[in-house]
Amino acid sequence: MSRKFVPKITTIYSPIFLRDYPTVDCEAPERLSAVHSCIGELVTFLEPEPCSVGDLRLCHSESIITSVQRSPEVFEVARLSAGAAIKTAELCFEGPTFSLARPPGHHAGRSFNGGFCFFNNIALAIQKLLSAGTIKSALIVDIDLHYGNGTSDIFQDDKRVAFKNISASSREKFFEELDGALSRAARFDVVGCSAGFDTYIKDWGSLLFTEDFKVVGSKIASSNPHVFFVLEGGYYITDLGRNVHSFLRGIQEACS
């Protein structure tokens, strides 16, 4: 019997994301090294390119861009993280893609940032596709424990983009909200996911088990032919790699 072909997930990653740039202690380089060491069998790694300042202006004010530029070390890695998300979005029409990058981004709005975020990676990725005419509509699903206030701020007046934030207080409600958020996903040209793992049972959210992330990944990947995923939170480093592996396995199986 022939073995079923299981495609590898294109994953955008650079060792530069392991730099210990100035940020809070919990948003540590070890987050990415823990994931990187666990997912090699499932993915094909590609290097990102930094986004341009012009790209940043698609979503952010000059004041925010200038404020991050004051720290060249942070600016370099934040531009590369945004560039990773853009490349992830651009390649998702060939199959599901994942951005394994830091800093995260969903708390960065048009004229503010915070929550360990400097620039809004997923918003920049979507805006890049829209500005290039590659897509006319997009759905963003944020599964991080914390509300994606920056993403909401950037797209609040843009009818081309629907933003669905999962903010459940129980495991059962999480899946109910996720199913609701994805109910019309097939109508959009692309689905982007802010993939946070701090909903894990041993992380701050205390909601989901490792095997649940496989179901979450599968549901999102099954919702639309064009999906991409951008890493946000996840701070219980001991199990973060296992959780992301489970998530990617769900994506992989849904698309095989």
C-alpha atoms as a PDB file:
ATOM      1  CA  MET A   1       0.000   0.000   0.000  1.00  0.00           C
ATOM      2  CA  SER A   2       1.403   3.407  -0.947  1.00  0.00           C
ATOM      3  CA  ARG A   3       1.932   5.925   1.823  1.00  0.00           C
ATOM      4  CA  LYS A   4      -0.176   9.061   1.674  1.00  0.00           C
ATOM      5  CA  PHE A   5       1.849  12.151   0.802  1.00  0.00           C
ATOM      6  CA  VAL A   6       1.886  14.671   3.643  1.00  0.00           C
ATOM      7  CA  PRO A   7       3.143  18.092   2.526  1.00  0.00           C
ATOM      8  CA  LYS A   8       5.581  19.998   4.687  1.00  0.00           C
ATOM      9  CA  ILE A   9       4.550  23.421   5.941  1.00  0.00           C
ATOM     10  CA  THR A  10       6.621  26.324   4.647  1.00  0.00           C
ATOM     11  CA  THR A  11       7.908  28.069   7.759  1.00  0.00           C
ATOM     12  CA  ILE A  12       9.638  31.447   7.741  1.00  0.00           C
ATOM     13  CA  TYR A  13      12.410  31.626  10.318  1.00  0.00           C
ATOM     14  CA  SER A  14      15.774  33.268  10.953  1.00  0.00           C
ATOM     15  CA  PRO A  15      18.387  32.747  13.711  1.00  0.00           C
ATOM     16  CA  ILE A  16      18.254  36.520  14.138  1.00  0.00           C
ATOM     17  CA  PHE A  17      14.973  35.990  16.004  1.00  0.00           C
ATOM     18  CA  LEU A  18      17.027  34.370  18.792  1.00  0.00           C
ATOM     19  CA  ARG A  19      18.719  37.662  19.614  1.00  0.00           C
ATOM     20  CA  ASP A  20      18.138  38.862  23.146  1.00  0.00           C
ATOM     21  CA  TYR A  21      16.947  42.339  22.187  1.00  0.00           C
ATOM     22  CA  PRO A  22      15.496  44.674  24.864  1.00  0.00           C
ATOM     23  CA  THR A  23      12.023  43.432  25.849  1.00  0.00           C
ATOM     24  CA  VAL A  24      10.288  41.812  28.819  1.00  0.00           C
ATOM     25  CA  ASP A  25      11.755  38.633  30.301  1.00  0.00           C
ATOM     26  CA  CYS A  26       8.888  36.300  29.363  1.00  0.00           C
ATOM     27  CA  GLU A  27       9.218  37.140  25.639  1.00  0.00           C
ATOM     28  CA  ALA A  28      12.536  35.311  25.580  1.00  0.00           C
ATOM     29  CA  PRO A  29      14.599  33.899  22.683  1.00  0.00           C
ATOM     30  CA  GLU A  30      14.116  30.446  24.190  1.00  0.00           C
ATOM     31  CA  ARG A  31      10.493  30.567  23.019  1.00  0.00           C
ATOM     32  CA  LEU A  32      11.617  30.223  19.419  1.00  0.00           C
ATOM     33  CA  SER A  33      14.476  27.815  20.007  1.00  0.00           C
ATOM     34  CA  ALA A  34      12.065  25.499  21.852  1.00  0.00           C
ATOM     35  CA  VAL A  35       9.710  25.505  18.874  1.00  0.00           C
ATOM     36  CA  HIS A  36      12.447  25.286  16.240  1.00  0.00           C
ATOM     37  CA  SER A  37      13.905  22.139  17.826  1.00  0.00           C
ATOM     38  CA  CYS A  38      10.520  20.363  17.802  1.00  0.00           C
ATOM     39  CA  ILE A  39       9.039  20.999  14.361  1.00  0.00           C
ATOM     40  CA  GLY A  40      11.773  20.169  11.849  1.00  0.00           C
ATOM     41  CA  GLU A  41      10.087  16.988  10.590  1.00  0.00           C
ATOM     42  CA  LEU A  42       6.922  18.910   9.684  1.00  0.00           C
ATOM     43  CA  VAL A  43       8.294  21.992   7.956  1.00  0.00           C
ATOM     44  CA  THR A  44      10.571  23.455   5.330  1.00  0.00           C
ATOM     45  CA  PHE A  45      12.406  26.490   6.686  1.00  0.00           C
ATOM     46  CA  LEU A  46      12.884  29.622   4.582  1.00  0.00           C
ATOM     47  CA  GLU A  47      14.690  32.822   5.528  1.00  0.00           C
ATOM     48  CA  PRO A  48      12.753  36.117   5.646  1.00  0.00           C
ATOM     49  CA  GLU A  49      13.739  39.535   4.373  1.00  0.00           C
ATOM     50  CA  PRO A  50      13.122  42.684   6.429  1.00  0.00           C
ATOM     51  CA  CYS A  51      10.147  44.747   5.418  1.00  0.00           C
ATOM     52  CA  SER A  52      10.721  48.282   4.175  1.00  0.00           C
ATOM     53  CA  VAL A  53       9.821  51.468   6.002  1.00  0.00           C
ATOM     54  CA  GLY A  54       7.264  51.976   3.247  1.00  0.00           C
ATOM     55  CA  ASP A  55       5.681  48.665   4.228  1.00  0.00           C
ATOM     56  CA  LEU A  56       5.509  49.804   7.846  1.00  0.00           C
ATOM     57  CA  ARG A  57       3.628  52.925   6.749  1.00  0.00           C
ATOM     58  CA  LEU A  58       0.812  50.707   5.427  1.00  0.00           C
ATOM     59  CA  CYS A  59      -0.260  50.197   9.048  1.00  0.00           C
ATOM     60  CA  HIS A  60       1.696  52.507  11.332  1.00  0.00           C
ATOM     61  CA  SER A  61       2.100  56.210  11.976  1.00  0.00           C
ATOM     62  CA  GLU A  62       5.426  57.983  11.562  1.00  0.00           C
ATOM     63  CA  SER A  63       5.590  58.520  15.322  1.00  0.00           C
ATOM     64  CA  ILE A  64       5.472  54.789  16.059  1.00  0.00           C
ATOM     65  CA  ILE A  65       8.022  53.971  13.378  1.00  0.00           C
ATOM     66  CA  THR A  66      10.355  56.687  14.674  1.00  0.00           C
ATOM     67  CA  SER A  67       9.978  55.521  18.280  1.00  0.00           C
ATOM     68  CA  VAL A  68      11.108  51.991  17.380  1.00  0.00           C
ATOM     69  CA  GLN A  69      13.956  53.342  15.223  1.00  0.00           C
ATOM     70  CA  ARG A  70      15.457  54.887  18.370  1.00  0.00           C
ATOM     71  CA  SER A  71      16.605  51.371  19.268  1.00  0.00           C
ATOM     72  CA  PRO A  72      18.424  50.100  16.164  1.00  0.00           C
ATOM     73  CA  GLU A  73      18.699  46.612  17.663  1.00  0.00           C
ATOM     74  CA  VAL A  74      14.933  46.350  18.165  1.00  0.00           C
ATOM     75  CA  PHE A  75      14.155  48.027  14.845  1.00  0.00           C
ATOM     76  CA  GLU A  76      16.231  45.500  12.914  1.00  0.00           C
ATOM     77  CA  VAL A  77      14.592  42.419  14.385  1.00  0.00           C
ATOM     78  CA  ALA A  78      11.089  43.956  14.382  1.00  0.00           C
ATOM     79  CA  ARG A  79      11.396  44.761  10.658  1.00  0.00           C
ATOM     80  CA  LEU A  80      12.550  41.196  10.027  1.00  0.00           C
ATOM     81  CA  SER A  81       9.628  39.779  12.010  1.00  0.00           C
ATOM     82  CA  ALA A  82       7.216  41.881   9.960  1.00  0.00           C
ATOM     83  CA  GLY A  83       8.988  40.784   6.804  1.00  0.00           C
ATOM     84  CA  ALA A  84       8.585  37.160   7.859  1.00  0.00           C
ATOM     85  CA  ALA A  85       4.832  37.618   8.209  1.00  0.00           C
ATOM     86  CA  ILE A  86       4.620  39.303   4.807  1.00  0.00           C
ATOM     87  CA  LYS A  87       6.507  36.449   3.153  1.00  0.00           C
ATOM     88  CA  THR A  88       4.302  33.941   4.960  1.00  0.00           C
ATOM     89  CA  ALA A  89       1.207  35.622   3.541  1.00  0.00           C
ATOM     90  CA  GLU A  90       2.623  35.887   0.041  1.00  0.00           C
ATOM     91  CA  LEU A  91       3.466  32.171  -0.065  1.00  0.00           C
ATOM     92  CA  CYS A  92       0.204  30.881   1.402  1.00  0.00           C
ATOM     93  CA  PHE A  93      -1.378  30.557  -2.049  1.00  0.00           C
ATOM     94  CA  GLU A  94       0.967  27.613  -2.631  1.00  0.00           C
ATOM     95  CA  GLY A  95      -0.059  25.907   0.633  1.00  0.00           C
ATOM     96  CA  PRO A  96      -0.360  26.693   4.361  1.00  0.00           C
ATOM     97  CA  THR A  97       2.493  28.708   5.823  1.00  0.00           C
ATOM     98  CA  PHE A  98       3.770  29.628   9.290  1.00  0.00           C
ATOM     99  CA  SER A  99       5.850  32.540  10.553  1.00  0.00           C
ATOM    100  CA  LEU A 100       8.108  31.449  13.411  1.00  0.00           C
ATOM    101  CA  ALA A 101       9.276  34.906  14.403  1.00  0.00           C
ATOM    102  CA  ARG A 102       9.574  37.354  17.253  1.00  0.00           C
ATOM    103  CA  PRO A 103       8.736  39.990  18.385  1.00  0.00           C
ATOM    104  CA  PRO A 104       5.011  39.280  18.187  1.00  0.00           C
ATOM    105  CA  GLY A 105       2.711  41.965  16.826  1.00  0.00           C
ATOM    106  CA  HIS A 106      -1.013  41.921  17.547  1.00  0.00           C
ATOM    107  CA  HIS A 107      -0.871  44.594  20.281  1.00  0.00           C
ATOM    108  CA  ALA A 108       0.657  47.186  17.932  1.00  0.00           C
ATOM    109  CA  GLY A 109      -1.930  49.582  16.513  1.00  0.00           C
ATOM    110  CA  ARG A 110      -1.704  52.410  14.041  1.00  0.00           C
ATOM    111  CA  SER A 111      -0.404  54.948  16.561  1.00  0.00           C
ATOM    112  CA  PHE A 112       0.511  52.812  19.579  1.00  0.00           C
ATOM    113  CA  ASN A 113       2.298  49.625  20.536  1.00  0.00           C
ATOM    114  CA  GLY A 114       2.791  47.524  23.640  1.00  0.00           C
ATOM    115  CA  GLY A 115       2.387  44.030  25.055  1.00  0.00           C
ATOM    116  CA  PHE A 116       5.857  42.967  23.784  1.00  0.00           C
ATOM    117  CA  CYS A 117       4.848  44.100  20.253  1.00  0.00           C
ATOM    118  CA  PHE A 118       6.505  46.817  18.154  1.00  0.00           C
ATOM    119  CA  PHE A 119       4.918  46.451  14.702  1.00  0.00           C
ATOM    120  CA  ASN A 120       1.782  44.503  13.818  1.00  0.00           C
ATOM    121  CA  ASN A 121       3.086  41.583  11.788  1.00  0.00           C
ATOM    122  CA  ILE A 122      -0.209  40.053  10.671  1.00  0.00           C
ATOM    123  CA  ALA A 123      -1.771  43.426   9.855  1.00  0.00           C
ATOM    124  CA  LEU A 124       1.225  44.351   7.720  1.00  0.00           C
ATOM    125  CA  ALA A 125       0.998  41.000   5.923  1.00  0.00           C
ATOM    126  CA  ILE A 126      -2.678  41.497   5.102  1.00  0.00           C
ATOM    127  CA  GLN A 127      -2.215  45.121   4.064  1.00  0.00           C
ATOM    128  CA  LYS A 128       0.657  44.134   1.798  1.00  0.00           C
ATOM    129  CA  LEU A 129      -1.595  41.627  -0.017  1.00  0.00           C
ATOM    130  CA  LEU A 130      -4.387  44.195  -0.290  1.00  0.00           C
ATOM    131  CA  SER A 131      -2.137  46.986  -1.540  1.00  0.00           C
ATOM    132  CA  ALA A 132      -0.600  44.685  -4.148  1.00  0.00           C
ATOM    133  CA  GLY A 133      -4.044  43.690  -5.387  1.00  0.00           C
ATOM    134  CA  THR A 134      -3.359  40.044  -4.581  1.00  0.00           C
ATOM    135  CA  ILE A 135      -6.551  39.851  -2.507  1.00  0.00           C
ATOM    136  CA  LYS A 136      -9.720  41.867  -2.076  1.00  0.00           C
ATOM    137  CA  SER A 137     -10.843  40.450   1.270  1.00  0.00           C
ATOM    138  CA  ALA A 138      -9.361  38.776   4.329  1.00  0.00           C
ATOM    139  CA  LEU A 139     -10.371  37.177   7.598  1.00  0.00           C
ATOM    140  CA  ILE A 140      -8.050  37.414  10.591  1.00  0.00           C
ATOM    141  CA  VAL A 141      -8.673  34.962  13.434  1.00  0.00           C
ATOM    142  CA  ASP A 142      -6.796  35.715  16.665  1.00  0.00           C
ATOM    143  CA  ILE A 143      -6.539  32.666  18.966  1.00  0.00           C
ATOM    144  CA  ASP A 144      -4.107  34.243  21.443  1.00  0.00           C
ATOM    145  CA  LEU A 145      -5.222  34.539  25.068  1.00  0.00           C
ATOM    146  CA  HIS A 146      -5.085  38.333  24.858  1.00  0.00           C
ATOM    147  CA  TYR A 147      -7.253  40.552  22.682  1.00  0.00           C
ATOM    148  CA  GLY A 148      -5.562  41.656  19.466  1.00  0.00           C
ATOM    149  CA  ASN A 149      -6.257  45.313  20.140  1.00  0.00           C
ATOM    150  CA  GLY A 150      -3.673  46.536  17.650  1.00  0.00           C
ATOM    151  CA  THR A 151      -5.111  44.469  14.806  1.00  0.00           C
ATOM    152  CA  SER A 152      -8.606  45.654  15.667  1.00  0.00           C
ATOM    153  CA  ASP A 153      -7.427  49.275  15.686  1.00  0.00           C
ATOM    154  CA  ILE A 154      -5.783  49.026  12.268  1.00  0.00           C
ATOM    155  CA  PHE A 155      -8.730  47.383  10.528  1.00  0.00           C
ATOM    156  CA  GLN A 156     -11.700  48.824  12.412  1.00  0.00           C
ATOM    157  CA  ASP A 157     -12.788  50.982   9.459  1.00  0.00           C
ATOM    158  CA  ASP A 158     -11.701  48.644   6.665  1.00  0.00           C
ATOM    159  CA  LYS A 159     -14.648  46.661   5.317  1.00  0.00           C
ATOM    160  CA  ARG A 160     -12.335  44.407   3.332  1.00  0.00           C
ATOM    161  CA  VAL A 161     -11.010  42.800   6.509  1.00  0.00           C
ATOM    162  CA  ALA A 162     -12.980  40.913   9.155  1.00  0.00           C
ATOM    163  CA  PHE A 163     -11.329  40.482  12.538  1.00  0.00           C
ATOM    164  CA  LYS A 164     -12.458  37.676  14.860  1.00  0.00           C
ATOM    165  CA  ASN A 165     -10.900  37.468  18.304  1.00  0.00           C
ATOM    166  CA  ILE A 166     -11.396  34.313  20.379  1.00  0.00           C
ATOM    167  CA  SER A 167     -11.776  35.404  24.000  1.00  0.00           C
ATOM    168  CA  ALA A 168     -13.440  32.430  25.683  1.00  0.00           C
ATOM    169  CA  SER A 169     -13.201  31.642  29.391  1.00  0.00           C
ATOM    170  CA  SER A 170     -13.505  27.869  29.016  1.00  0.00           C
ATOM    171  CA  ARG A 171     -12.280  25.141  26.681  1.00  0.00           C
ATOM    172  CA  GLU A 172     -15.802  24.447  25.415  1.00  0.00           C
ATOM    173  CA  LYS A 173     -16.505  28.115  24.717  1.00  0.00           C
ATOM    174  CA  PHE A 174     -13.176  28.439  22.930  1.00  0.00           C
ATOM    175  CA  PHE A 175     -14.187  25.857  20.358  1.00  0.00           C
ATOM    176  CA  GLU A 176     -17.683  27.309  20.057  1.00  0.00           C
ATOM    177  CA  GLU A 177     -16.234  30.760  19.329  1.00  0.00           C
ATOM    178  CA  LEU A 178     -13.681  29.342  16.914  1.00  0.00           C
ATOM    179  CA  ASP A 179     -16.362  27.496  14.947  1.00  0.00           C
ATOM    180  CA  GLY A 180     -18.404  30.700  14.799  1.00  0.00           C
ATOM    181  CA  ALA A 181     -15.423  32.734  13.639  1.00  0.00           C
ATOM    182  CA  LEU A 182     -14.707  30.241  10.853  1.00  0.00           C
ATOM    183  CA  SER A 183     -18.308  29.715   9.744  1.00  0.00           C
ATOM    184  CA  ARG A 184     -17.922  32.059   6.748  1.00  0.00           C
ATOM    185  CA  ALA A 185     -14.166  31.764   6.264  1.00  0.00           C
ATOM    186  CA  ALA A 186     -14.489  30.248   2.785  1.00  0.00           C
ATOM    187  CA  ARG A 187     -15.946  33.538   1.491  1.00  0.00           C
ATOM    188  CA  PHE A 188     -12.666  35.393   1.984  1.00  0.00           C
ATOM    189  CA  ASP A 189      -9.660  35.419  -0.323  1.00  0.00           C
ATOM    190  CA  VAL A 190      -7.330  34.513   2.536  1.00  0.00           C
ATOM    191  CA  VAL A 191      -7.438  33.613   6.230  1.00  0.00           C
ATOM    192  CA  GLY A 192      -4.650  34.798   8.522  1.00  0.00           C
ATOM    193  CA  CYS A 193      -4.290  33.511  12.069  1.00  0.00           C
ATOM    194  CA  SER A 194      -2.613  35.236  14.986  1.00  0.00           C
ATOM    195  CA  ALA A 195      -1.436  31.997  16.570  1.00  0.00           C
ATOM    196  CA  GLY A 196      -0.958  32.431  20.298  1.00  0.00           C
ATOM    197  CA  PHE A 197      -0.320  29.457  22.580  1.00  0.00           C
ATOM    198  CA  ASP A 198      -0.790  31.147  25.957  1.00  0.00           C
ATOM    199  CA  THR A 199      -4.238  29.529  26.181  1.00  0.00           C
ATOM    200  CA  TYR A 200      -2.382  26.319  27.132  1.00  0.00           C
ATOM    201  CA  ILE A 201      -3.481  24.595  30.322  1.00  0.00           C
ATOM    202  CA  LYS A 202      -0.114  25.305  32.018  1.00  0.00           C
ATOM    203  CA  ASP A 203       0.253  28.816  30.582  1.00  0.00           C
ATOM    204  CA  TRP A 204      -1.563  31.988  31.631  1.00  0.00           C
ATOM    205  CA  GLY A 205      -4.852  30.994  29.986  1.00  0.00           C
ATOM    206  CA  SER A 206      -5.304  27.494  31.487  1.00  0.00           C
ATOM    207  CA  LEU A 207      -7.753  26.463  28.729  1.00  0.00           C
ATOM    208  CA  LEU A 208      -6.364  24.082  26.115  1.00  0.00           C
ATOM    209  CA  PHE A 209      -4.416  20.830  26.142  1.00  0.00           C
ATOM    210  CA  THR A 210      -1.629  19.948  23.715  1.00  0.00           C
ATOM    211  CA  GLU A 211      -3.935  17.734  21.642  1.00  0.00           C
ATOM    212  CA  ASP A 212      -6.457  20.593  21.402  1.00  0.00           C
ATOM    213  CA  PHE A 213      -4.010  22.655  19.374  1.00  0.00           C
ATOM    214  CA  LYS A 214      -4.049  19.953  16.713  1.00  0.00           C
ATOM    215  CA  VAL A 215      -7.830  20.354  16.436  1.00  0.00           C
ATOM    216  CA  VAL A 216      -7.509  24.145  16.306  1.00  0.00           C
ATOM    217  CA  GLY A 217      -4.915  23.988  13.541  1.00  0.00           C
ATOM    218  CA  SER A 218      -7.010  21.532  11.569  1.00  0.00           C
ATOM    219  CA  LYS A 219     -10.181  23.629  11.849  1.00  0.00           C
ATOM    220  CA  ILE A 220      -8.485  26.789  10.622  1.00  0.00           C
ATOM    221  CA  ALA A 221      -6.587  25.045   7.822  1.00  0.00           C
ATOM    222  CA  SER A 222      -9.817  23.385   6.653  1.00  0.00           C
ATOM    223  CA  SER A 223     -11.732  26.652   6.564  1.00  0.00           C
ATOM    224  CA  ASN A 224     -10.173  28.163   3.435  1.00  0.00           C
ATOM    225  CA  PRO A 225      -7.768  27.064   0.668  1.00  0.00           C
ATOM    226  CA  HIS A 226      -5.416  29.951   1.499  1.00  0.00           C
ATOM    227  CA  VAL A 227      -4.321  30.146   5.136  1.00  0.00           C
ATOM    228  CA  PHE A 228      -1.279  31.456   6.952  1.00  0.00           C
ATOM    229  CA  PHE A 229      -0.269  31.574  10.601  1.00  0.00           C
ATOM    230  CA  VAL A 230       1.821  34.107  12.525  1.00  0.00           C
ATOM    231  CA  LEU A 231       3.225  33.324  15.981  1.00  0.00           C
ATOM    232  CA  GLU A 232       2.038  35.576  18.791  1.00  0.00           C
ATOM    233  CA  GLY A 233       2.122  34.519  22.459  1.00  0.00           C
ATOM    234  CA  GLY A 234       2.999  31.330  24.316  1.00  0.00           C
ATOM    235  CA  TYR A 235       5.182  31.550  27.409  1.00  0.00           C
ATOM    236  CA  TYR A 236       5.262  28.106  29.030  1.00  0.00           C
ATOM    237  CA  ILE A 237       8.474  27.249  27.244  1.00  0.00           C
ATOM    238  CA  THR A 238       8.692  23.679  28.575  1.00  0.00           C
ATOM    239  CA  ASP A 239       5.754  22.598  26.401  1.00  0.00           C
ATOM    240  CA  LEU A 240       5.644  25.335  23.764  1.00  0.00           C
ATOM    241  CA  GLY A 241       7.443  23.258  21.154  1.00  0.00           C
ATOM    242  CA  ARG A 242       5.084  20.316  21.696  1.00  0.00           C
ATOM    243  CA  ASN A 243       2.061  22.589  21.408  1.00  0.00           C
ATOM    244  CA  VAL A 244       3.212  24.191  18.172  1.00  0.00           C
ATOM    245  CA  HIS A 245       4.101  20.743  16.811  1.00  0.00           C
ATOM    246  CA  SER A 246       0.566  19.568  17.586  1.00  0.00           C
ATOM    247  CA  PHE A 247      -0.873  22.675  15.922  1.00  0.00           C
ATOM    248  CA  LEU A 248       1.200  22.219  12.768  1.00  0.00           C
ATOM    249  CA  ARG A 249       0.331  18.528  12.637  1.00  0.00           C
ATOM    250  CA  GLY A 250      -3.337  19.492  12.564  1.00  0.00           C
ATOM    251  CA  ILE A 251      -2.695  21.935   9.724  1.00  0.00           C
ATOM    252  CA  GLN A 252      -0.682  19.366   7.835  1.00  0.00           C
ATOM    253  CA  GLU A 253      -3.270  16.624   8.132  1.00  0.00           C
ATOM    254  CA  ALA A 254      -6.081  18.957   7.104  1.00  0.00           C
ATOM    255  CA  CYS A 255      -4.232  19.813   3.900  1.00  0.00           C
ATOM    256  CA  SER A 256      -2.943  16.356   2.978  1.00  0.00           C
END
